[in-house]
Amino acid sequence: MTAFQADLARFADLNAQVVGISCDNVPTNIAFGKHLGGLSYPLLSDFYPHGAVAQKFGVFRTGDPLPGISERAVFVVDKQGKIVWAKVFELPTQPDNAPILDALKKVK
């Protein structure tokens, strides 16, 4: 999440908005953002109904390990709401922004 924070200007240059979504509740997300030193982009809560957004995107974990959380995934959604790029990362891997930025450059 800190890598996204560090590259916010690069995302903005590509007319992209970074949004984080977690299955944690709002107070937990606020504490997490503070723990990271603050985030300048939205970190949304997918807590109730629990994991509904993650389920719609097919990344909600129901089995071990760590049931009840979402996979660490990145989606690039175009202006028409179509997913044009997606990748799921193994925990605890932090996503590399380079392929995400490359995908954004291809969005019309």
PDB file of N, CA and C in Angstrom:
ATOM      1  N   MET A   1       0.832  -1.187   0.000  1.00  0.00           N
ATOM      2  CA  MET A   1       0.000   0.000   0.000  1.00  0.00           C
ATOM      3  C   MET A   1       0.873   1.246   0.000  1.00  0.00           C
ATOM      4  N   THR A   2       2.034   1.133   0.624  1.00  0.00           N
ATOM      5  CA  THR A   2       2.938   2.284   0.622  1.00  0.00           C
ATOM      6  C   THR A   2       3.519   2.511  -0.770  1.00  0.00           C
ATOM      7  N   ALA A   3       3.668   1.447  -1.568  1.00  0.00           N
ATOM      8  CA  ALA A   3       4.159   1.619  -2.940  1.00  0.00           C
ATOM      9  C   ALA A   3       3.147   2.401  -3.772  1.00  0.00           C
ATOM     10  N   PHE A   4       1.865   2.134  -3.567  1.00  0.00           N
ATOM     11  CA  PHE A   4       0.845   2.919  -4.268  1.00  0.00           C
ATOM     12  C   PHE A   4       0.930   4.379  -3.834  1.00  0.00           C
ATOM     13  N   GLN A   5       1.090   4.598  -2.541  1.00  0.00           N
ATOM     14  CA  GLN A   5       1.214   5.951  -2.006  1.00  0.00           C
ATOM     15  C   GLN A   5       2.399   6.666  -2.659  1.00  0.00           C
ATOM     16  N   ALA A   6       3.528   5.976  -2.772  1.00  0.00           N
ATOM     17  CA  ALA A   6       4.734   6.581  -3.338  1.00  0.00           C
ATOM     18  C   ALA A   6       4.563   6.934  -4.816  1.00  0.00           C
ATOM     19  N   ASP A   7       3.733   6.187  -5.531  1.00  0.00           N
ATOM     20  CA  ASP A   7       3.549   6.405  -6.966  1.00  0.00           C
ATOM     21  C   ASP A   7       2.236   7.104  -7.320  1.00  0.00           C
ATOM     22  N   LEU A   8       1.591   7.740  -6.359  1.00  0.00           N
ATOM     23  CA  LEU A   8       0.296   8.382  -6.645  1.00  0.00           C
ATOM     24  C   LEU A   8       0.378   9.360  -7.808  1.00  0.00           C
ATOM     25  N   ALA A   9       1.454  10.125  -7.896  1.00  0.00           N
ATOM     26  CA  ALA A   9       1.588  11.098  -8.985  1.00  0.00           C
ATOM     27  C   ALA A   9       1.664  10.390 -10.336  1.00  0.00           C
ATOM     28  N   ARG A  10       2.350   9.253 -10.388  1.00  0.00           N
ATOM     29  CA  ARG A  10       2.445   8.494 -11.642  1.00  0.00           C
ATOM     30  C   ARG A  10       1.077   7.949 -12.044  1.00  0.00           C
ATOM     31  N   PHE A  11       0.299   7.492 -11.070  1.00  0.00           N
ATOM     32  CA  PHE A  11      -1.056   7.024 -11.369  1.00  0.00           C
ATOM     33  C   PHE A  11      -1.920   8.193 -11.852  1.00  0.00           C
ATOM     34  N   ALA A  12      -1.806   9.332 -11.184  1.00  0.00           N
ATOM     35  CA  ALA A  12      -2.592  10.512 -11.567  1.00  0.00           C
ATOM     36  C   ALA A  12      -2.232  10.974 -12.976  1.00  0.00           C
ATOM     37  N   ASP A  13      -0.947  10.892 -13.342  1.00  0.00           N
ATOM     38  CA  ASP A  13      -0.524  11.277 -14.693  1.00  0.00           C
ATOM     39  C   ASP A  13      -1.204  10.430 -15.766  1.00  0.00           C
ATOM     40  N   LEU A  14      -1.633   9.240 -15.388  1.00  0.00           N
ATOM     41  CA  LEU A  14      -2.327   8.339 -16.316  1.00  0.00           C
ATOM     42  C   LEU A  14      -3.845   8.382 -16.118  1.00  0.00           C
ATOM     43  N   ASN A  15      -4.309   9.435 -15.443  1.00  0.00           N
ATOM     44  CA  ASN A  15      -5.738   9.620 -15.163  1.00  0.00           C
ATOM     45  C   ASN A  15      -6.336   8.446 -14.408  1.00  0.00           C
ATOM     46  N   ALA A  16      -5.562   7.882 -13.501  1.00  0.00           N
ATOM     47  CA  ALA A  16      -6.018   6.735 -12.714  1.00  0.00           C
ATOM     48  C   ALA A  16      -6.220   7.144 -11.264  1.00  0.00           C
ATOM     49  N   GLN A  17      -7.202   6.552 -10.641  1.00  0.00           N
ATOM     50  CA  GLN A  17      -7.486   6.765  -9.220  1.00  0.00           C
ATOM     51  C   GLN A  17      -7.169   5.476  -8.482  1.00  0.00           C
ATOM     52  N   VAL A  18      -6.304   5.563  -7.486  1.00  0.00           N
ATOM     53  CA  VAL A  18      -5.995   4.413  -6.640  1.00  0.00           C
ATOM     54  C   VAL A  18      -7.050   4.333  -5.544  1.00  0.00           C
ATOM     55  N   VAL A  19      -7.618   3.146  -5.357  1.00  0.00           N
ATOM     56  CA  VAL A  19      -8.589   2.900  -4.296  1.00  0.00           C
ATOM     57  C   VAL A  19      -8.247   1.550  -3.673  1.00  0.00           C
ATOM     58  N   GLY A  20      -8.099   1.528  -2.364  1.00  0.00           N
ATOM     59  CA  GLY A  20      -7.886   0.274  -1.657  1.00  0.00           C
ATOM     60  C   GLY A  20      -9.202  -0.218  -1.084  1.00  0.00           C
ATOM     61  N   ILE A  21      -9.374  -1.522  -1.062  1.00  0.00           N
ATOM     62  CA  ILE A  21     -10.577  -2.112  -0.463  1.00  0.00           C
ATOM     63  C   ILE A  21     -10.134  -3.260   0.428  1.00  0.00           C
ATOM     64  N   SER A  22     -10.634  -3.263   1.657  1.00  0.00           N
ATOM     65  CA  SER A  22     -10.286  -4.290   2.631  1.00  0.00           C
ATOM     66  C   SER A  22     -11.561  -4.868   3.234  1.00  0.00           C
ATOM     67  N   CYS A  23     -11.502  -6.129   3.622  1.00  0.00           N
ATOM     68  CA  CYS A  23     -12.646  -6.754   4.301  1.00  0.00           C
ATOM     69  C   CYS A  23     -12.695  -6.376   5.779  1.00  0.00           C
ATOM     70  N   ASP A  24     -11.759  -5.561   6.230  1.00  0.00           N
ATOM     71  CA  ASP A  24     -11.761  -5.099   7.621  1.00  0.00           C
ATOM     72  C   ASP A  24     -12.789  -3.988   7.813  1.00  0.00           C
ATOM     73  N   ASN A  25     -13.128  -3.723   9.080  1.00  0.00           N
ATOM     74  CA  ASN A  25     -14.081  -2.653   9.374  1.00  0.00           C
ATOM     75  C   ASN A  25     -13.396  -1.288   9.287  1.00  0.00           C
ATOM     76  N   VAL A  26     -14.190  -0.230   9.298  1.00  0.00           N
ATOM     77  CA  VAL A  26     -13.674   1.130   9.126  1.00  0.00           C
ATOM     78  C   VAL A  26     -12.641   1.495  10.192  1.00  0.00           C
ATOM     79  N   PRO A  27     -12.904   1.279  11.499  1.00  0.00           N
ATOM     80  CA  PRO A  27     -11.880   1.635  12.491  1.00  0.00           C
ATOM     81  C   PRO A  27     -10.549   0.908  12.266  1.00  0.00           C
ATOM     82  N   THR A  28     -10.607  -0.345  11.853  1.00  0.00           N
ATOM     83  CA  THR A  28      -9.378  -1.090  11.575  1.00  0.00           C
ATOM     84  C   THR A  28      -8.646  -0.492  10.382  1.00  0.00           C
ATOM     85  N   ASN A  29      -9.385  -0.109   9.334  1.00  0.00           N
ATOM     86  CA  ASN A  29      -8.758   0.519   8.171  1.00  0.00           C
ATOM     87  C   ASN A  29      -8.118   1.850   8.533  1.00  0.00           C
ATOM     88  N   ILE A  30      -8.777   2.624   9.378  1.00  0.00           N
ATOM     89  CA  ILE A  30      -8.208   3.905   9.814  1.00  0.00           C
ATOM     90  C   ILE A  30      -6.902   3.664  10.563  1.00  0.00           C
ATOM     91  N   ALA A  31      -6.914   2.709  11.487  1.00  0.00           N
ATOM     92  CA  ALA A  31      -5.704   2.392  12.257  1.00  0.00           C
ATOM     93  C   ALA A  31      -4.595   1.886  11.334  1.00  0.00           C
ATOM     94  N   PHE A  32      -4.953   1.069  10.362  1.00  0.00           N
ATOM     95  CA  PHE A  32      -3.967   0.537   9.424  1.00  0.00           C
ATOM     96  C   PHE A  32      -3.336   1.664   8.613  1.00  0.00           C
ATOM     97  N   GLY A  33      -4.158   2.580   8.121  1.00  0.00           N
ATOM     98  CA  GLY A  33      -3.646   3.728   7.376  1.00  0.00           C
ATOM     99  C   GLY A  33      -2.682   4.557   8.208  1.00  0.00           C
ATOM    100  N   LYS A  34      -3.014   4.775   9.463  1.00  0.00           N
ATOM    101  CA  LYS A  34      -2.120   5.519  10.363  1.00  0.00           C
ATOM    102  C   LYS A  34      -0.828   4.751  10.591  1.00  0.00           C
ATOM    103  N   HIS A  35      -0.941   3.433  10.756  1.00  0.00           N
ATOM    104  CA  HIS A  35       0.238   2.584  10.954  1.00  0.00           C
ATOM    105  C   HIS A  35       1.204   2.699   9.766  1.00  0.00           C
ATOM    106  N   LEU A  36       0.657   2.887   8.576  1.00  0.00           N
ATOM    107  CA  LEU A  36       1.477   3.023   7.373  1.00  0.00           C
ATOM    108  C   LEU A  36       2.016   4.435   7.191  1.00  0.00           C
ATOM    109  N   GLY A  37       1.671   5.341   8.085  1.00  0.00           N
ATOM    110  CA  GLY A  37       2.128   6.719   7.970  1.00  0.00           C
ATOM    111  C   GLY A  37       1.152   7.615   7.242  1.00  0.00           C
ATOM    112  N   GLY A  38      -0.048   7.112   7.011  1.00  0.00           N
ATOM    113  CA  GLY A  38      -1.087   7.887   6.335  1.00  0.00           C
ATOM    114  C   GLY A  38      -1.179   7.522   4.863  1.00  0.00           C
ATOM    115  N   LEU A  39      -2.389   7.506   4.365  1.00  0.00           N
ATOM    116  CA  LEU A  39      -2.639   7.233   2.952  1.00  0.00           C
ATOM    117  C   LEU A  39      -3.397   8.408   2.360  1.00  0.00           C
ATOM    118  N   SER A  40      -3.009   8.813   1.158  1.00  0.00           N
ATOM    119  CA  SER A  40      -3.675   9.931   0.483  1.00  0.00           C
ATOM    120  C   SER A  40      -4.726   9.453  -0.506  1.00  0.00           C
ATOM    121  N   TYR A  41      -5.030   8.181  -0.465  1.00  0.00           N
ATOM    122  CA  TYR A  41      -6.066   7.630  -1.337  1.00  0.00           C
ATOM    123  C   TYR A  41      -7.065   6.867  -0.476  1.00  0.00           C
ATOM    124  N   PRO A  42      -8.282   6.669  -0.976  1.00  0.00           N
ATOM    125  CA  PRO A  42      -9.311   6.015  -0.167  1.00  0.00           C
ATOM    126  C   PRO A  42      -8.978   4.551   0.136  1.00  0.00           C
ATOM    127  N   LEU A  43      -9.227   4.149   1.367  1.00  0.00           N
ATOM    128  CA  LEU A  43      -9.163   2.748   1.772  1.00  0.00           C
ATOM    129  C   LEU A  43     -10.563   2.400   2.261  1.00  0.00           C
ATOM    130  N   LEU A  44     -11.301   1.694   1.426  1.00  0.00           N
ATOM    131  CA  LEU A  44     -12.706   1.404   1.687  1.00  0.00           C
ATOM    132  C   LEU A  44     -12.874   0.115   2.468  1.00  0.00           C
ATOM    133  N   SER A  45     -13.978   0.030   3.189  1.00  0.00           N
ATOM    134  CA  SER A  45     -14.287  -1.152   3.983  1.00  0.00           C
ATOM    135  C   SER A  45     -15.336  -2.006   3.280  1.00  0.00           C
ATOM    136  N   ASP A  46     -15.004  -3.271   3.083  1.00  0.00           N
ATOM    137  CA  ASP A  46     -15.917  -4.257   2.499  1.00  0.00           C
ATOM    138  C   ASP A  46     -16.379  -5.192   3.620  1.00  0.00           C
ATOM    139  N   PHE A  47     -16.704  -4.579   4.769  1.00  0.00           N
ATOM    140  CA  PHE A  47     -16.989  -5.342   5.979  1.00  0.00           C
ATOM    141  C   PHE A  47     -18.430  -5.841   6.060  1.00  0.00           C
ATOM    142  N   TYR A  48     -19.387  -5.035   5.590  1.00  0.00           N
ATOM    143  CA  TYR A  48     -20.783  -5.444   5.710  1.00  0.00           C
ATOM    144  C   TYR A  48     -21.540  -5.085   4.442  1.00  0.00           C
ATOM    145  N   PRO A  49     -22.195  -6.023   3.799  1.00  0.00           N
ATOM    146  CA  PRO A  49     -22.087  -7.439   4.118  1.00  0.00           C
ATOM    147  C   PRO A  49     -20.660  -7.920   3.856  1.00  0.00           C
ATOM    148  N   HIS A  50     -20.157  -8.720   4.772  1.00  0.00           N
ATOM    149  CA  HIS A  50     -18.741  -9.063   4.808  1.00  0.00           C
ATOM    150  C   HIS A  50     -18.241  -9.642   3.488  1.00  0.00           C
ATOM    151  N   GLY A  51     -17.295  -8.902   2.879  1.00  0.00           N
ATOM    152  CA  GLY A  51     -16.647  -9.382   1.665  1.00  0.00           C
ATOM    153  C   GLY A  51     -17.494  -9.366   0.411  1.00  0.00           C
ATOM    154  N   ALA A  52     -18.582  -8.622   0.389  1.00  0.00           N
ATOM    155  CA  ALA A  52     -19.484  -8.628  -0.774  1.00  0.00           C
ATOM    156  C   ALA A  52     -18.775  -8.178  -2.051  1.00  0.00           C
ATOM    157  N   VAL A  53     -17.959  -7.140  -1.957  1.00  0.00           N
ATOM    158  CA  VAL A  53     -17.238  -6.653  -3.139  1.00  0.00           C
ATOM    159  C   VAL A  53     -16.191  -7.680  -3.560  1.00  0.00           C
ATOM    160  N   ALA A  54     -15.428  -8.182  -2.598  1.00  0.00           N
ATOM    161  CA  ALA A  54     -14.409  -9.196  -2.902  1.00  0.00           C
ATOM    162  C   ALA A  54     -15.048 -10.421  -3.554  1.00  0.00           C
ATOM    163  N   GLN A  55     -16.221 -10.810  -3.081  1.00  0.00           N
ATOM    164  CA  GLN A  55     -16.911 -11.956  -3.677  1.00  0.00           C
ATOM    165  C   GLN A  55     -17.279 -11.676  -5.131  1.00  0.00           C
ATOM    166  N   LYS A  56     -17.769 -10.465  -5.403  1.00  0.00           N
ATOM    167  CA  LYS A  56     -18.149 -10.116  -6.780  1.00  0.00           C
ATOM    168  C   LYS A  56     -16.948 -10.120  -7.715  1.00  0.00           C
ATOM    169  N   PHE A  57     -15.773  -9.778  -7.173  1.00  0.00           N
ATOM    170  CA  PHE A  57     -14.554  -9.770  -7.982  1.00  0.00           C
ATOM    171  C   PHE A  57     -13.860 -11.134  -7.974  1.00  0.00           C
ATOM    172  N   GLY A  58     -14.415 -12.099  -7.239  1.00  0.00           N
ATOM    173  CA  GLY A  58     -13.865 -13.449  -7.213  1.00  0.00           C
ATOM    174  C   GLY A  58     -12.592 -13.610  -6.412  1.00  0.00           C
ATOM    175  N   VAL A  59     -12.385 -12.740  -5.407  1.00  0.00           N
ATOM    176  CA  VAL A  59     -11.140 -12.796  -4.636  1.00  0.00           C
ATOM    177  C   VAL A  59     -11.366 -12.931  -3.130  1.00  0.00           C
ATOM    178  N   PHE A  60     -12.555 -13.361  -2.721  1.00  0.00           N
ATOM    179  CA  PHE A  60     -12.842 -13.547  -1.293  1.00  0.00           C
ATOM    180  C   PHE A  60     -12.411 -14.947  -0.882  1.00  0.00           C
ATOM    181  N   ARG A  61     -11.618 -15.039   0.172  1.00  0.00           N
ATOM    182  CA  ARG A  61     -11.128 -16.335   0.658  1.00  0.00           C
ATOM    183  C   ARG A  61     -12.161 -16.980   1.572  1.00  0.00           C
ATOM    184  N   THR A  62     -12.511 -18.218   1.265  1.00  0.00           N
ATOM    185  CA  THR A  62     -13.441 -18.950   2.127  1.00  0.00           C
ATOM    186  C   THR A  62     -12.756 -20.094   2.857  1.00  0.00           C
ATOM    187  N   GLY A  63     -11.602 -20.509   2.378  1.00  0.00           N
ATOM    188  CA  GLY A  63     -10.886 -21.620   3.007  1.00  0.00           C
ATOM    189  C   GLY A  63      -9.543 -21.192   3.556  1.00  0.00           C
ATOM    190  N   ASP A  64      -8.856 -22.152   4.146  1.00  0.00           N
ATOM    191  CA  ASP A  64      -7.535 -21.882   4.711  1.00  0.00           C
ATOM    192  C   ASP A  64      -6.534 -21.601   3.597  1.00  0.00           C
ATOM    193  N   PRO A  65      -5.514 -20.842   3.829  1.00  0.00           N
ATOM    194  CA  PRO A  65      -5.294 -20.085   5.060  1.00  0.00           C
ATOM    195  C   PRO A  65      -6.056 -18.763   5.041  1.00  0.00           C
ATOM    196  N   LEU A  66      -6.301 -18.239   6.178  1.00  0.00           N
ATOM    197  CA  LEU A  66      -6.905 -16.913   6.365  1.00  0.00           C
ATOM    198  C   LEU A  66      -8.277 -16.747   5.712  1.00  0.00           C
ATOM    199  N   PRO A  67      -9.255 -17.583   6.052  1.00  0.00           N
ATOM    200  CA  PRO A  67     -10.594 -17.385   5.500  1.00  0.00           C
ATOM    201  C   PRO A  67     -11.195 -16.065   5.983  1.00  0.00           C
ATOM    202  N   GLY A  68     -12.023 -15.468   5.146  1.00  0.00           N
ATOM    203  CA  GLY A  68     -12.720 -14.239   5.528  1.00  0.00           C
ATOM    204  C   GLY A  68     -12.013 -12.967   5.117  1.00  0.00           C
ATOM    205  N   ILE A  69     -10.866 -13.102   4.433  1.00  0.00           N
ATOM    206  CA  ILE A  69     -10.192 -11.919   3.900  1.00  0.00           C
ATOM    207  C   ILE A  69     -10.209 -12.023   2.384  1.00  0.00           C
ATOM    208  N   SER A  70      -9.772 -10.967   1.729  1.00  0.00           N
ATOM    209  CA  SER A  70      -9.670 -11.030   0.274  1.00  0.00           C
ATOM    210  C   SER A  70      -8.241 -11.381  -0.116  1.00  0.00           C
ATOM    211  N   GLU A  71      -8.119 -11.923  -1.304  1.00  0.00           N
ATOM    212  CA  GLU A  71      -6.790 -12.113  -1.873  1.00  0.00           C
ATOM    213  C   GLU A  71      -6.173 -10.732  -2.068  1.00  0.00           C
ATOM    214  N   ARG A  72      -4.867 -10.682  -2.143  1.00  0.00           N
ATOM    215  CA  ARG A  72      -4.207  -9.423  -2.502  1.00  0.00           C
ATOM    216  C   ARG A  72      -4.270  -9.345  -4.024  1.00  0.00           C
ATOM    217  N   ALA A  73      -5.115  -8.479  -4.518  1.00  0.00           N
ATOM    218  CA  ALA A  73      -5.357  -8.405  -5.957  1.00  0.00           C
ATOM    219  C   ALA A  73      -5.404  -6.955  -6.411  1.00  0.00           C
ATOM    220  N   VAL A  74      -5.068  -6.758  -7.674  1.00  0.00           N
ATOM    221  CA  VAL A  74      -5.137  -5.438  -8.294  1.00  0.00           C
ATOM    222  C   VAL A  74      -5.988  -5.568  -9.552  1.00  0.00           C
ATOM    223  N   PHE A  75      -6.910  -4.625  -9.711  1.00  0.00           N
ATOM    224  CA  PHE A  75      -7.759  -4.575 -10.894  1.00  0.00           C
ATOM    225  C   PHE A  75      -7.618  -3.203 -11.533  1.00  0.00           C
ATOM    226  N   VAL A  76      -7.457  -3.173 -12.847  1.00  0.00           N
ATOM    227  CA  VAL A  76      -7.510  -1.924 -13.599  1.00  0.00           C
ATOM    228  C   VAL A  76      -8.868  -1.926 -14.290  1.00  0.00           C
ATOM    229  N   VAL A  77      -9.659  -0.913 -13.978  1.00  0.00           N
ATOM    230  CA  VAL A  77     -11.022  -0.796 -14.498  1.00  0.00           C
ATOM    231  C   VAL A  77     -11.075   0.441 -15.385  1.00  0.00           C
ATOM    232  N   ASP A  78     -11.559   0.284 -16.614  1.00  0.00           N
ATOM    233  CA  ASP A  78     -11.617   1.438 -17.508  1.00  0.00           C
ATOM    234  C   ASP A  78     -12.825   2.320 -17.188  1.00  0.00           C
ATOM    235  N   LYS A  79     -12.953   3.403 -17.929  1.00  0.00           N
ATOM    236  CA  LYS A  79     -14.017   4.376 -17.650  1.00  0.00           C
ATOM    237  C   LYS A  79     -15.414   3.818 -17.902  1.00  0.00           C
ATOM    238  N   GLN A  80     -15.506   2.730 -18.648  1.00  0.00           N
ATOM    239  CA  GLN A  80     -16.801   2.095 -18.889  1.00  0.00           C
ATOM    240  C   GLN A  80     -17.116   1.048 -17.821  1.00  0.00           C
ATOM    241  N   GLY A  81     -16.214   0.873 -16.863  1.00  0.00           N
ATOM    242  CA  GLY A  81     -16.432  -0.089 -15.786  1.00  0.00           C
ATOM    243  C   GLY A  81     -15.988  -1.502 -16.117  1.00  0.00           C
ATOM    244  N   LYS A  82     -15.249  -1.666 -17.206  1.00  0.00           N
ATOM    245  CA  LYS A  82     -14.771  -2.987 -17.627  1.00  0.00           C
ATOM    246  C   LYS A  82     -13.391  -3.251 -17.017  1.00  0.00           C
ATOM    247  N   ILE A  83     -13.216  -4.449 -16.455  1.00  0.00           N
ATOM    248  CA  ILE A  83     -11.901  -4.843 -15.946  1.00  0.00           C
ATOM    249  C   ILE A  83     -11.024  -5.149 -17.153  1.00  0.00           C
ATOM    250  N   VAL A  84      -9.936  -4.378 -17.302  1.00  0.00           N
ATOM    251  CA  VAL A  84      -9.054  -4.551 -18.458  1.00  0.00           C
ATOM    252  C   VAL A  84      -7.726  -5.200 -18.077  1.00  0.00           C
ATOM    253  N   TRP A  85      -7.464  -5.324 -16.784  1.00  0.00           N
ATOM    254  CA  TRP A  85      -6.239  -5.986 -16.309  1.00  0.00           C
ATOM    255  C   TRP A  85      -6.482  -6.396 -14.870  1.00  0.00           C
ATOM    256  N   ALA A  86      -6.011  -7.577 -14.520  1.00  0.00           N
ATOM    257  CA  ALA A  86      -6.162  -8.050 -13.142  1.00  0.00           C
ATOM    258  C   ALA A  86      -5.024  -9.001 -12.812  1.00  0.00           C
ATOM    259  N   LYS A  87      -4.617  -8.971 -11.561  1.00  0.00           N
ATOM    260  CA  LYS A  87      -3.605  -9.915 -11.094  1.00  0.00           C
ATOM    261  C   LYS A  87      -3.806 -10.149  -9.608  1.00  0.00           C
ATOM    262  N   VAL A  88      -3.698 -11.418  -9.212  1.00  0.00           N
ATOM    263  CA  VAL A  88      -3.747 -11.802  -7.800  1.00  0.00           C
ATOM    264  C   VAL A  88      -2.319 -12.111  -7.375  1.00  0.00           C
ATOM    265  N   PHE A  89      -1.930 -11.577  -6.224  1.00  0.00           N
ATOM    266  CA  PHE A  89      -0.579 -11.751  -5.698  1.00  0.00           C
ATOM    267  C   PHE A  89      -0.625 -12.646  -4.469  1.00  0.00           C
ATOM    268  N   GLU A  90       0.327 -13.545  -4.368  1.00  0.00           N
ATOM    269  CA  GLU A  90       0.432 -14.400  -3.187  1.00  0.00           C
ATOM    270  C   GLU A  90       0.767 -13.542  -1.973  1.00  0.00           C
ATOM    271  N   LEU A  91       0.122 -13.828  -0.853  1.00  0.00           N
ATOM    272  CA  LEU A  91       0.471 -13.151   0.393  1.00  0.00           C
ATOM    273  C   LEU A  91       1.825 -13.665   0.849  1.00  0.00           C
ATOM    274  N   PRO A  92       2.715 -12.873   1.334  1.00  0.00           N
ATOM    275  CA  PRO A  92       2.628 -11.443   1.615  1.00  0.00           C
ATOM    276  C   PRO A  92       3.213 -10.559   0.516  1.00  0.00           C
ATOM    277  N   THR A  93       3.257 -11.032  -0.722  1.00  0.00           N
ATOM    278  CA  THR A  93       3.848 -10.275  -1.826  1.00  0.00           C
ATOM    279  C   THR A  93       3.193  -8.908  -1.973  1.00  0.00           C
ATOM    280  N   GLN A  94       4.030  -7.893  -2.104  1.00  0.00           N
ATOM    281  CA  GLN A  94       3.545  -6.548  -2.386  1.00  0.00           C
ATOM    282  C   GLN A  94       3.533  -6.366  -3.901  1.00  0.00           C
ATOM    283  N   PRO A  95       2.444  -5.894  -4.473  1.00  0.00           N
ATOM    284  CA  PRO A  95       2.390  -5.708  -5.925  1.00  0.00           C
ATOM    285  C   PRO A  95       3.462  -4.740  -6.416  1.00  0.00           C
ATOM    286  N   ASP A  96       4.029  -5.062  -7.566  1.00  0.00           N
ATOM    287  CA  ASP A  96       4.971  -4.178  -8.245  1.00  0.00           C
ATOM    288  C   ASP A  96       4.144  -3.232  -9.111  1.00  0.00           C
ATOM    289  N   ASN A  97       4.367  -1.947  -8.968  1.00  0.00           N
ATOM    290  CA  ASN A  97       3.560  -0.975  -9.705  1.00  0.00           C
ATOM    291  C   ASN A  97       3.869  -0.931 -11.198  1.00  0.00           C
ATOM    292  N   ALA A  98       5.054  -1.371 -11.619  1.00  0.00           N
ATOM    293  CA  ALA A  98       5.444  -1.253 -13.031  1.00  0.00           C
ATOM    294  C   ALA A  98       4.441  -1.917 -13.978  1.00  0.00           C
ATOM    295  N   PRO A  99       4.049  -3.183 -13.774  1.00  0.00           N
ATOM    296  CA  PRO A  99       3.074  -3.764 -14.711  1.00  0.00           C
ATOM    297  C   PRO A  99       1.691  -3.116 -14.620  1.00  0.00           C
ATOM    298  N   ILE A 100       1.353  -2.599 -13.458  1.00  0.00           N
ATOM    299  CA  ILE A 100       0.066  -1.905 -13.308  1.00  0.00           C
ATOM    300  C   ILE A 100       0.092  -0.615 -14.121  1.00  0.00           C
ATOM    301  N   LEU A 101       1.184   0.133 -13.998  1.00  0.00           N
ATOM    302  CA  LEU A 101       1.327   1.371 -14.767  1.00  0.00           C
ATOM    303  C   LEU A 101       1.359   1.077 -16.266  1.00  0.00           C
ATOM    304  N   ASP A 102       2.024  -0.013 -16.666  1.00  0.00           N
ATOM    305  CA  ASP A 102       2.032  -0.403 -18.082  1.00  0.00           C
ATOM    306  C   ASP A 102       0.618  -0.704 -18.573  1.00  0.00           C
ATOM    307  N   ALA A 103      -0.170  -1.395 -17.756  1.00  0.00           N
ATOM    308  CA  ALA A 103      -1.558  -1.699 -18.127  1.00  0.00           C
ATOM    309  C   ALA A 103      -2.372  -0.418 -18.272  1.00  0.00           C
ATOM    310  N   LEU A 104      -2.141   0.529 -17.381  1.00  0.00           N
ATOM    311  CA  LEU A 104      -2.872   1.800 -17.447  1.00  0.00           C
ATOM    312  C   LEU A 104      -2.537   2.576 -18.716  1.00  0.00           C
ATOM    313  N   LYS A 105      -1.306   2.473 -19.180  1.00  0.00           N
ATOM    314  CA  LYS A 105      -0.900   3.175 -20.405  1.00  0.00           C
ATOM    315  C   LYS A 105      -1.666   2.658 -21.616  1.00  0.00           C
ATOM    316  N   LYS A 106      -2.157   1.426 -21.540  1.00  0.00           N
ATOM    317  CA  LYS A 106      -2.881   0.814 -22.658  1.00  0.00           C
ATOM    318  C   LYS A 106      -4.383   1.086 -22.616  1.00  0.00           C
ATOM    319  N   VAL A 107      -4.865   1.650 -21.522  1.00  0.00           N
ATOM    320  CA  VAL A 107      -6.299   1.931 -21.392  1.00  0.00           C
ATOM    321  C   VAL A 107      -6.651   3.110 -22.282  1.00  0.00           C
ATOM    322  N   LYS A 108      -7.678   2.926 -23.063  1.00  0.00           N
ATOM    323  CA  LYS A 108      -8.121   3.996 -23.985  1.00  0.00           C
ATOM    324  C   LYS A 108      -9.042   4.957 -23.276  1.00  0.00           C
TER     325      LYS A 108
END
